[in-house]
Amino acid sequence: MMLEEVSYRFLVKFDYKNLDMDNVILYSKLATLPDELKSEVADFIDFLLNKKDKRNTSVARPKFGSAKGMFKVNPDFDEPLEDFKDYMN
């Protein structure tokens, strides 16, 4: 990966509206790194952004009553079991 491509990938995601001292410090540190380390930093930033995106996805929860009609309960479900008749008296 070339230096220009790494720099471009970083700058595309760089938020200029919220430019503060921390961002300037990070960018100046990035500028001092050798090309191969800049590539690793860019990959790590992509990893962190993907990780953040995955956390934002919510799991679809089933709606109440969505399994209606899928199960049938026998009419004698609440009746005492034959095996426990000796203990019931």
PDB file of N, CA and C in Angstrom:
ATOM      1  N   MET A   1       0.848  -1.173   0.000  1.00  0.00           N
ATOM      2  CA  MET A   1       0.000   0.000   0.000  1.00  0.00           C
ATOM      3  C   MET A   1       0.894   1.238   0.000  1.00  0.00           C
ATOM      4  N   MET A   2       0.543   2.174  -0.820  1.00  0.00           N
ATOM      5  CA  MET A   2       1.349   3.381  -0.938  1.00  0.00           C
ATOM      6  C   MET A   2       0.976   4.393   0.137  1.00  0.00           C
ATOM      7  N   LEU A   3       1.899   5.284   0.427  1.00  0.00           N
ATOM      8  CA  LEU A   3       1.696   6.307   1.453  1.00  0.00           C
ATOM      9  C   LEU A   3       0.476   7.168   1.142  1.00  0.00           C
ATOM     10  N   GLU A   4       0.300   7.554  -0.108  1.00  0.00           N
ATOM     11  CA  GLU A   4      -0.822   8.421  -0.462  1.00  0.00           C
ATOM     12  C   GLU A   4      -2.150   7.725  -0.192  1.00  0.00           C
ATOM     13  N   GLU A   5      -2.212   6.405  -0.487  1.00  0.00           N
ATOM     14  CA  GLU A   5      -3.443   5.662  -0.263  1.00  0.00           C
ATOM     15  C   GLU A   5      -3.759   5.560   1.221  1.00  0.00           C
ATOM     16  N   VAL A   6      -2.733   5.298   2.033  1.00  0.00           N
ATOM     17  CA  VAL A   6      -2.932   5.220   3.481  1.00  0.00           C
ATOM     18  C   VAL A   6      -3.380   6.568   4.012  1.00  0.00           C
ATOM     19  N   SER A   7      -2.723   7.623   3.591  1.00  0.00           N
ATOM     20  CA  SER A   7      -3.093   8.953   4.054  1.00  0.00           C
ATOM     21  C   SER A   7      -4.510   9.296   3.620  1.00  0.00           C
ATOM     22  N   TYR A   8      -4.859   8.934   2.392  1.00  0.00           N
ATOM     23  CA  TYR A   8      -6.197   9.229   1.897  1.00  0.00           C
ATOM     24  C   TYR A   8      -7.243   8.466   2.696  1.00  0.00           C
ATOM     25  N   ARG A   9      -6.977   7.176   2.969  1.00  0.00           N
ATOM     26  CA  ARG A   9      -7.934   6.379   3.754  1.00  0.00           C
ATOM     27  C   ARG A   9      -8.129   6.992   5.127  1.00  0.00           C
ATOM     28  N   PHE A  10      -7.072   7.507   5.710  1.00  0.00           N
ATOM     29  CA  PHE A  10      -7.188   8.121   7.030  1.00  0.00           C
ATOM     30  C   PHE A  10      -7.942   9.438   6.946  1.00  0.00           C
ATOM     31  N   LEU A  11      -7.623  10.261   5.953  1.00  0.00           N
ATOM     32  CA  LEU A  11      -8.229  11.584   5.852  1.00  0.00           C
ATOM     33  C   LEU A  11      -9.703  11.530   5.487  1.00  0.00           C
ATOM     34  N   VAL A  12     -10.114  10.516   4.754  1.00  0.00           N
ATOM     35  CA  VAL A  12     -11.521  10.398   4.394  1.00  0.00           C
ATOM     36  C   VAL A  12     -12.366  10.243   5.650  1.00  0.00           C
ATOM     37  N   LYS A  13     -11.858   9.518   6.623  1.00  0.00           N
ATOM     38  CA  LYS A  13     -12.604   9.274   7.850  1.00  0.00           C
ATOM     39  C   LYS A  13     -12.295  10.313   8.928  1.00  0.00           C
ATOM     40  N   PHE A  14     -11.448  11.256   8.634  1.00  0.00           N
ATOM     41  CA  PHE A  14     -11.052  12.277   9.596  1.00  0.00           C
ATOM     42  C   PHE A  14     -12.159  13.317   9.691  1.00  0.00           C
ATOM     43  N   ASP A  15     -12.646  13.590  10.870  1.00  0.00           N
ATOM     44  CA  ASP A  15     -13.766  14.502  11.077  1.00  0.00           C
ATOM     45  C   ASP A  15     -13.242  15.918  11.292  1.00  0.00           C
ATOM     46  N   TYR A  16     -13.286  16.719  10.264  1.00  0.00           N
ATOM     47  CA  TYR A  16     -12.752  18.081  10.344  1.00  0.00           C
ATOM     48  C   TYR A  16     -13.650  19.012  11.152  1.00  0.00           C
ATOM     49  N   LYS A  17     -14.920  18.685  11.284  1.00  0.00           N
ATOM     50  CA  LYS A  17     -15.838  19.545  12.034  1.00  0.00           C
ATOM     51  C   LYS A  17     -15.499  19.545  13.520  1.00  0.00           C
ATOM     52  N   ASN A  18     -15.053  18.416  14.010  1.00  0.00           N
ATOM     53  CA  ASN A  18     -14.717  18.291  15.433  1.00  0.00           C
ATOM     54  C   ASN A  18     -13.207  18.258  15.621  1.00  0.00           C
ATOM     55  N   LEU A  19     -12.507  19.102  14.914  1.00  0.00           N
ATOM     56  CA  LEU A  19     -11.053  19.144  14.982  1.00  0.00           C
ATOM     57  C   LEU A  19     -10.636  19.705  16.345  1.00  0.00           C
ATOM     58  N   ASP A  20     -10.005  18.882  17.129  1.00  0.00           N
ATOM     59  CA  ASP A  20      -9.510  19.330  18.422  1.00  0.00           C
ATOM     60  C   ASP A  20      -8.050  18.904  18.567  1.00  0.00           C
ATOM     61  N   MET A  21      -7.456  19.245  19.666  1.00  0.00           N
ATOM     62  CA  MET A  21      -6.029  19.006  19.861  1.00  0.00           C
ATOM     63  C   MET A  21      -5.694  17.513  19.828  1.00  0.00           C
ATOM     64  N   ASP A  22      -6.586  16.659  20.335  1.00  0.00           N
ATOM     65  CA  ASP A  22      -6.306  15.227  20.310  1.00  0.00           C
ATOM     66  C   ASP A  22      -6.159  14.723  18.886  1.00  0.00           C
ATOM     67  N   ASN A  23      -7.015  15.184  17.981  1.00  0.00           N
ATOM     68  CA  ASN A  23      -6.932  14.762  16.584  1.00  0.00           C
ATOM     69  C   ASN A  23      -5.656  15.275  15.929  1.00  0.00           C
ATOM     70  N   VAL A  24      -5.276  16.483  16.255  1.00  0.00           N
ATOM     71  CA  VAL A  24      -4.048  17.046  15.691  1.00  0.00           C
ATOM     72  C   VAL A  24      -2.839  16.252  16.177  1.00  0.00           C
ATOM     73  N   ILE A  25      -2.831  15.897  17.447  1.00  0.00           N
ATOM     74  CA  ILE A  25      -1.723  15.116  18.006  1.00  0.00           C
ATOM     75  C   ILE A  25      -1.662  13.742  17.341  1.00  0.00           C
ATOM     76  N   LEU A  26      -2.828  13.096  17.192  1.00  0.00           N
ATOM     77  CA  LEU A  26      -2.851  11.781  16.545  1.00  0.00           C
ATOM     78  C   LEU A  26      -2.353  11.870  15.103  1.00  0.00           C
ATOM     79  N   TYR A  27      -2.798  12.878  14.384  1.00  0.00           N
ATOM     80  CA  TYR A  27      -2.377  13.006  12.992  1.00  0.00           C
ATOM     81  C   TYR A  27      -0.882  13.307  12.890  1.00  0.00           C
ATOM     82  N   SER A  28      -0.366  14.124  13.794  1.00  0.00           N
ATOM     83  CA  SER A  28       1.070  14.423  13.745  1.00  0.00           C
ATOM     84  C   SER A  28       1.893  13.185  14.087  1.00  0.00           C
ATOM     85  N   LYS A  29       1.408  12.355  15.001  1.00  0.00           N
ATOM     86  CA  LYS A  29       2.107  11.107  15.302  1.00  0.00           C
ATOM     87  C   LYS A  29       2.050  10.160  14.109  1.00  0.00           C
ATOM     88  N   LEU A  30       0.897  10.121  13.449  1.00  0.00           N
ATOM     89  CA  LEU A  30       0.750   9.271  12.276  1.00  0.00           C
ATOM     90  C   LEU A  30       1.700   9.705  11.169  1.00  0.00           C
ATOM     91  N   ALA A  31       1.881  10.997  11.007  1.00  0.00           N
ATOM     92  CA  ALA A  31       2.744  11.516   9.950  1.00  0.00           C
ATOM     93  C   ALA A  31       4.209  11.138  10.161  1.00  0.00           C
ATOM     94  N   THR A  32       4.611  10.868  11.400  1.00  0.00           N
ATOM     95  CA  THR A  32       6.016  10.524  11.672  1.00  0.00           C
ATOM     96  C   THR A  32       6.309   9.038  11.493  1.00  0.00           C
ATOM     97  N   LEU A  33       5.271   8.212  11.334  1.00  0.00           N
ATOM     98  CA  LEU A  33       5.483   6.767  11.211  1.00  0.00           C
ATOM     99  C   LEU A  33       6.006   6.390   9.831  1.00  0.00           C
ATOM    100  N   PRO A  34       6.766   5.290   9.759  1.00  0.00           N
ATOM    101  CA  PRO A  34       7.173   4.764   8.446  1.00  0.00           C
ATOM    102  C   PRO A  34       5.940   4.244   7.685  1.00  0.00           C
ATOM    103  N   ASP A  35       6.080   4.111   6.377  1.00  0.00           N
ATOM    104  CA  ASP A  35       4.951   3.718   5.525  1.00  0.00           C
ATOM    105  C   ASP A  35       4.311   2.401   5.950  1.00  0.00           C
ATOM    106  N   GLU A  36       5.122   1.393   6.292  1.00  0.00           N
ATOM    107  CA  GLU A  36       4.543   0.087   6.650  1.00  0.00           C
ATOM    108  C   GLU A  36       3.728   0.169   7.941  1.00  0.00           C
ATOM    109  N   LEU A  37       4.136   1.025   8.872  1.00  0.00           N
ATOM    110  CA  LEU A  37       3.356   1.186  10.102  1.00  0.00           C
ATOM    111  C   LEU A  37       2.094   2.008   9.849  1.00  0.00           C
ATOM    112  N   LYS A  38       2.152   2.947   8.928  1.00  0.00           N
ATOM    113  CA  LYS A  38       0.943   3.704   8.580  1.00  0.00           C
ATOM    114  C   LYS A  38      -0.113   2.780   8.010  1.00  0.00           C
ATOM    115  N   SER A  39       0.316   1.802   7.248  1.00  0.00           N
ATOM    116  CA  SER A  39      -0.614   0.821   6.704  1.00  0.00           C
ATOM    117  C   SER A  39      -1.272   0.028   7.828  1.00  0.00           C
ATOM    118  N   GLU A  40      -0.490  -0.364   8.823  1.00  0.00           N
ATOM    119  CA  GLU A  40      -1.038  -1.095   9.972  1.00  0.00           C
ATOM    120  C   GLU A  40      -2.008  -0.224  10.759  1.00  0.00           C
ATOM    121  N   VAL A  41      -1.682   1.041  10.934  1.00  0.00           N
ATOM    122  CA  VAL A  41      -2.571   1.961  11.649  1.00  0.00           C
ATOM    123  C   VAL A  41      -3.892   2.102  10.891  1.00  0.00           C
ATOM    124  N   ALA A  42      -3.813   2.225   9.573  1.00  0.00           N
ATOM    125  CA  ALA A  42      -5.027   2.349   8.760  1.00  0.00           C
ATOM    126  C   ALA A  42      -5.885   1.097   8.885  1.00  0.00           C
ATOM    127  N   ASP A  43      -5.261  -0.074   8.873  1.00  0.00           N
ATOM    128  CA  ASP A  43      -6.002  -1.324   9.048  1.00  0.00           C
ATOM    129  C   ASP A  43      -6.644  -1.392  10.428  1.00  0.00           C
ATOM    130  N   PHE A  44      -5.922  -0.942  11.445  1.00  0.00           N
ATOM    131  CA  PHE A  44      -6.457  -0.954  12.798  1.00  0.00           C
ATOM    132  C   PHE A  44      -7.638   0.008  12.934  1.00  0.00           C
ATOM    133  N   ILE A  45      -7.547   1.164  12.302  1.00  0.00           N
ATOM    134  CA  ILE A  45      -8.665   2.120  12.329  1.00  0.00           C
ATOM    135  C   ILE A  45      -9.884   1.499  11.658  1.00  0.00           C
ATOM    136  N   ASP A  46      -9.676   0.823  10.512  1.00  0.00           N
ATOM    137  CA  ASP A  46     -10.783   0.139   9.845  1.00  0.00           C
ATOM    138  C   ASP A  46     -11.393  -0.923  10.751  1.00  0.00           C
ATOM    139  N   PHE A  47     -10.540  -1.677  11.443  1.00  0.00           N
ATOM    140  CA  PHE A  47     -11.019  -2.692  12.381  1.00  0.00           C
ATOM    141  C   PHE A  47     -11.886  -2.070  13.463  1.00  0.00           C
ATOM    142  N   LEU A  48     -11.423  -0.968  14.048  1.00  0.00           N
ATOM    143  CA  LEU A  48     -12.190  -0.309  15.107  1.00  0.00           C
ATOM    144  C   LEU A  48     -13.518   0.227  14.593  1.00  0.00           C
ATOM    145  N   LEU A  49     -13.526   0.779  13.388  1.00  0.00           N
ATOM    146  CA  LEU A  49     -14.770   1.286  12.817  1.00  0.00           C
ATOM    147  C   LEU A  49     -15.755   0.160  12.545  1.00  0.00           C
ATOM    148  N   ASN A  50     -15.262  -0.973  12.043  1.00  0.00           N
ATOM    149  CA  ASN A  50     -16.136  -2.133  11.816  1.00  0.00           C
ATOM    150  C   ASN A  50     -16.672  -2.671  13.128  1.00  0.00           C
ATOM    151  N   LYS A  51     -15.839  -2.694  14.151  1.00  0.00           N
ATOM    152  CA  LYS A  51     -16.253  -3.168  15.474  1.00  0.00           C
ATOM    153  C   LYS A  51     -17.355  -2.271  16.024  1.00  0.00           C
ATOM    154  N   LYS A  52     -17.209  -0.966  15.833  1.00  0.00           N
ATOM    155  CA  LYS A  52     -18.215  -0.014  16.286  1.00  0.00           C
ATOM    156  C   LYS A  52     -19.525  -0.222  15.537  1.00  0.00           C
ATOM    157  N   ASP A  53     -19.437  -0.461  14.231  1.00  0.00           N
ATOM    158  CA  ASP A  53     -20.639  -0.670  13.430  1.00  0.00           C
ATOM    159  C   ASP A  53     -21.370  -1.934  13.846  1.00  0.00           C
ATOM    160  N   LYS A  54     -20.628  -2.973  14.198  1.00  0.00           N
ATOM    161  CA  LYS A  54     -21.262  -4.224  14.616  1.00  0.00           C
ATOM    162  C   LYS A  54     -21.982  -4.070  15.941  1.00  0.00           C
ATOM    163  N   ARG A  55     -21.460  -3.225  16.827  1.00  0.00           N
ATOM    164  CA  ARG A  55     -22.119  -3.001  18.114  1.00  0.00           C
ATOM    165  C   ARG A  55     -23.434  -2.248  17.955  1.00  0.00           C
ATOM    166  N   ASN A  56     -23.542  -1.450  16.913  1.00  0.00           N
ATOM    167  CA  ASN A  56     -24.738  -0.650  16.717  1.00  0.00           C
ATOM    168  C   ASN A  56     -25.897  -1.444  16.141  1.00  0.00           C
ATOM    169  N   THR A  57     -25.651  -2.617  15.599  1.00  0.00           N
ATOM    170  CA  THR A  57     -26.737  -3.416  15.043  1.00  0.00           C
ATOM    171  C   THR A  57     -27.474  -4.100  16.185  1.00  0.00           C
ATOM    172  N   SER A  58     -28.771  -4.000  16.166  1.00  0.00           N
ATOM    173  CA  SER A  58     -29.560  -4.619  17.225  1.00  0.00           C
ATOM    174  C   SER A  58     -30.086  -5.964  16.749  1.00  0.00           C
ATOM    175  N   VAL A  59     -30.266  -6.853  17.689  1.00  0.00           N
ATOM    176  CA  VAL A  59     -30.770  -8.184  17.396  1.00  0.00           C
ATOM    177  C   VAL A  59     -32.289  -8.116  17.329  1.00  0.00           C
ATOM    178  N   ALA A  60     -32.843  -8.660  16.270  1.00  0.00           N
ATOM    179  CA  ALA A  60     -34.297  -8.670  16.124  1.00  0.00           C
ATOM    180  C   ALA A  60     -34.893  -9.627  17.140  1.00  0.00           C
ATOM    181  N   ARG A  61     -35.777  -9.119  17.959  1.00  0.00           N
ATOM    182  CA  ARG A  61     -36.427  -9.939  18.979  1.00  0.00           C
ATOM    183  C   ARG A  61     -37.767 -10.417  18.438  1.00  0.00           C
ATOM    184  N   PRO A  62     -38.147 -11.654  18.759  1.00  0.00           N
ATOM    185  CA  PRO A  62     -39.446 -12.132  18.279  1.00  0.00           C
ATOM    186  C   PRO A  62     -40.585 -11.354  18.934  1.00  0.00           C
ATOM    187  N   LYS A  63     -41.644 -11.180  18.191  1.00  0.00           N
ATOM    188  CA  LYS A  63     -42.803 -10.453  18.722  1.00  0.00           C
ATOM    189  C   LYS A  63     -43.664 -11.396  19.549  1.00  0.00           C
ATOM    190  N   PHE A  64     -44.303 -10.832  20.553  1.00  0.00           N
ATOM    191  CA  PHE A  64     -45.166 -11.612  21.428  1.00  0.00           C
ATOM    192  C   PHE A  64     -46.285 -12.237  20.603  1.00  0.00           C
ATOM    193  N   GLY A  65     -46.451 -13.533  20.748  1.00  0.00           N
ATOM    194  CA  GLY A  65     -47.503 -14.241  20.037  1.00  0.00           C
ATOM    195  C   GLY A  65     -47.109 -14.717  18.657  1.00  0.00           C
ATOM    196  N   SER A  66     -45.860 -14.550  18.272  1.00  0.00           N
ATOM    197  CA  SER A  66     -45.459 -14.942  16.925  1.00  0.00           C
ATOM    198  C   SER A  66     -45.440 -16.467  16.726  1.00  0.00           C
ATOM    199  N   ALA A  67     -45.444 -17.250  17.808  1.00  0.00           N
ATOM    200  CA  ALA A  67     -45.445 -18.710  17.704  1.00  0.00           C
ATOM    201  C   ALA A  67     -46.837 -19.286  17.927  1.00  0.00           C
ATOM    202  N   LYS A  68     -47.850 -18.427  17.899  1.00  0.00           N
ATOM    203  CA  LYS A  68     -49.222 -18.874  18.142  1.00  0.00           C
ATOM    204  C   LYS A  68     -49.614 -19.930  17.104  1.00  0.00           C
ATOM    205  N   GLY A  69     -50.160 -21.040  17.595  1.00  0.00           N
ATOM    206  CA  GLY A  69     -50.589 -22.122  16.728  1.00  0.00           C
ATOM    207  C   GLY A  69     -49.501 -23.133  16.411  1.00  0.00           C
ATOM    208  N   MET A  70     -48.294 -22.883  16.813  1.00  0.00           N
ATOM    209  CA  MET A  70     -47.206 -23.811  16.520  1.00  0.00           C
ATOM    210  C   MET A  70     -47.133 -24.955  17.530  1.00  0.00           C
ATOM    211  N   PHE A  71     -47.711 -24.762  18.713  1.00  0.00           N
ATOM    212  CA  PHE A  71     -47.678 -25.770  19.761  1.00  0.00           C
ATOM    213  C   PHE A  71     -49.104 -26.055  20.220  1.00  0.00           C
ATOM    214  N   LYS A  72     -49.340 -27.309  20.555  1.00  0.00           N
ATOM    215  CA  LYS A  72     -50.658 -27.690  21.042  1.00  0.00           C
ATOM    216  C   LYS A  72     -50.496 -28.316  22.424  1.00  0.00           C
ATOM    217  N   VAL A  73     -51.294 -27.827  23.362  1.00  0.00           N
ATOM    218  CA  VAL A  73     -51.266 -28.350  24.724  1.00  0.00           C
ATOM    219  C   VAL A  73     -52.480 -29.254  24.885  1.00  0.00           C
ATOM    220  N   ASN A  74     -52.239 -30.474  25.343  1.00  0.00           N
ATOM    221  CA  ASN A  74     -53.338 -31.425  25.545  1.00  0.00           C
ATOM    222  C   ASN A  74     -54.292 -30.920  26.613  1.00  0.00           C
ATOM    223  N   PRO A  75     -55.560 -31.245  26.491  1.00  0.00           N
ATOM    224  CA  PRO A  75     -56.548 -30.780  27.480  1.00  0.00           C
ATOM    225  C   PRO A  75     -56.256 -31.273  28.899  1.00  0.00           C
ATOM    226  N   ASP A  76     -55.613 -32.420  29.044  1.00  0.00           N
ATOM    227  CA  ASP A  76     -55.323 -32.957  30.377  1.00  0.00           C
ATOM    228  C   ASP A  76     -53.946 -32.512  30.897  1.00  0.00           C
ATOM    229  N   PHE A  77     -53.419 -31.437  30.403  1.00  0.00           N
ATOM    230  CA  PHE A  77     -52.093 -30.966  30.786  1.00  0.00           C
ATOM    231  C   PHE A  77     -51.992 -30.685  32.283  1.00  0.00           C
ATOM    232  N   ASP A  78     -53.045 -30.105  32.876  1.00  0.00           N
ATOM    233  CA  ASP A  78     -53.016 -29.744  34.295  1.00  0.00           C
ATOM    234  C   ASP A  78     -53.441 -30.881  35.217  1.00  0.00           C
ATOM    235  N   GLU A  79     -53.835 -31.997  34.682  1.00  0.00           N
ATOM    236  CA  GLU A  79     -54.259 -33.138  35.508  1.00  0.00           C
ATOM    237  C   GLU A  79     -53.035 -33.773  36.166  1.00  0.00           C
ATOM    238  N   PRO A  80     -53.215 -34.344  37.365  1.00  0.00           N
ATOM    239  CA  PRO A  80     -52.092 -35.007  38.048  1.00  0.00           C
ATOM    240  C   PRO A  80     -51.595 -36.208  37.229  1.00  0.00           C
ATOM    241  N   LEU A  81     -50.323 -36.462  37.313  1.00  0.00           N
ATOM    242  CA  LEU A  81     -49.732 -37.588  36.599  1.00  0.00           C
ATOM    243  C   LEU A  81     -50.015 -38.892  37.326  1.00  0.00           C
ATOM    244  N   GLU A  82     -50.144 -39.953  36.546  1.00  0.00           N
ATOM    245  CA  GLU A  82     -50.405 -41.279  37.120  1.00  0.00           C
ATOM    246  C   GLU A  82     -49.278 -41.703  38.064  1.00  0.00           C
ATOM    247  N   ASP A  83     -48.065 -41.327  37.748  1.00  0.00           N
ATOM    248  CA  ASP A  83     -46.918 -41.734  38.554  1.00  0.00           C
ATOM    249  C   ASP A  83     -46.937 -41.165  39.961  1.00  0.00           C
ATOM    250  N   PHE A  84     -47.638 -40.073  40.187  1.00  0.00           N
ATOM    251  CA  PHE A  84     -47.636 -39.430  41.509  1.00  0.00           C
ATOM    252  C   PHE A  84     -48.914 -39.681  42.309  1.00  0.00           C
ATOM    253  N   LYS A  85     -49.786 -40.579  41.846  1.00  0.00           N
ATOM    254  CA  LYS A  85     -51.045 -40.844  42.545  1.00  0.00           C
ATOM    255  C   LYS A  85     -50.806 -41.350  43.964  1.00  0.00           C
ATOM    256  N   ASP A  86     -49.767 -42.140  44.172  1.00  0.00           N
ATOM    257  CA  ASP A  86     -49.481 -42.686  45.499  1.00  0.00           C
ATOM    258  C   ASP A  86     -49.133 -41.581  46.486  1.00  0.00           C
ATOM    259  N   TYR A  87     -48.573 -40.513  46.035  1.00  0.00           N
ATOM    260  CA  TYR A  87     -48.140 -39.417  46.906  1.00  0.00           C
ATOM    261  C   TYR A  87     -49.241 -38.387  47.127  1.00  0.00           C
ATOM    262  N   MET A  88     -50.298 -38.423  46.333  1.00  0.00           N
ATOM    263  CA  MET A  88     -51.349 -37.409  46.396  1.00  0.00           C
ATOM    264  C   MET A  88     -52.370 -37.666  47.496  1.00  0.00           C
ATOM    265  N   ASN A  89     -52.483 -38.882  47.984  1.00  0.00           N
ATOM    266  CA  ASN A  89     -53.517 -39.219  48.992  1.00  0.00           C
ATOM    267  C   ASN A  89     -53.069 -38.911  50.381  1.00  0.00           C
TER     268      ASN A  89
END
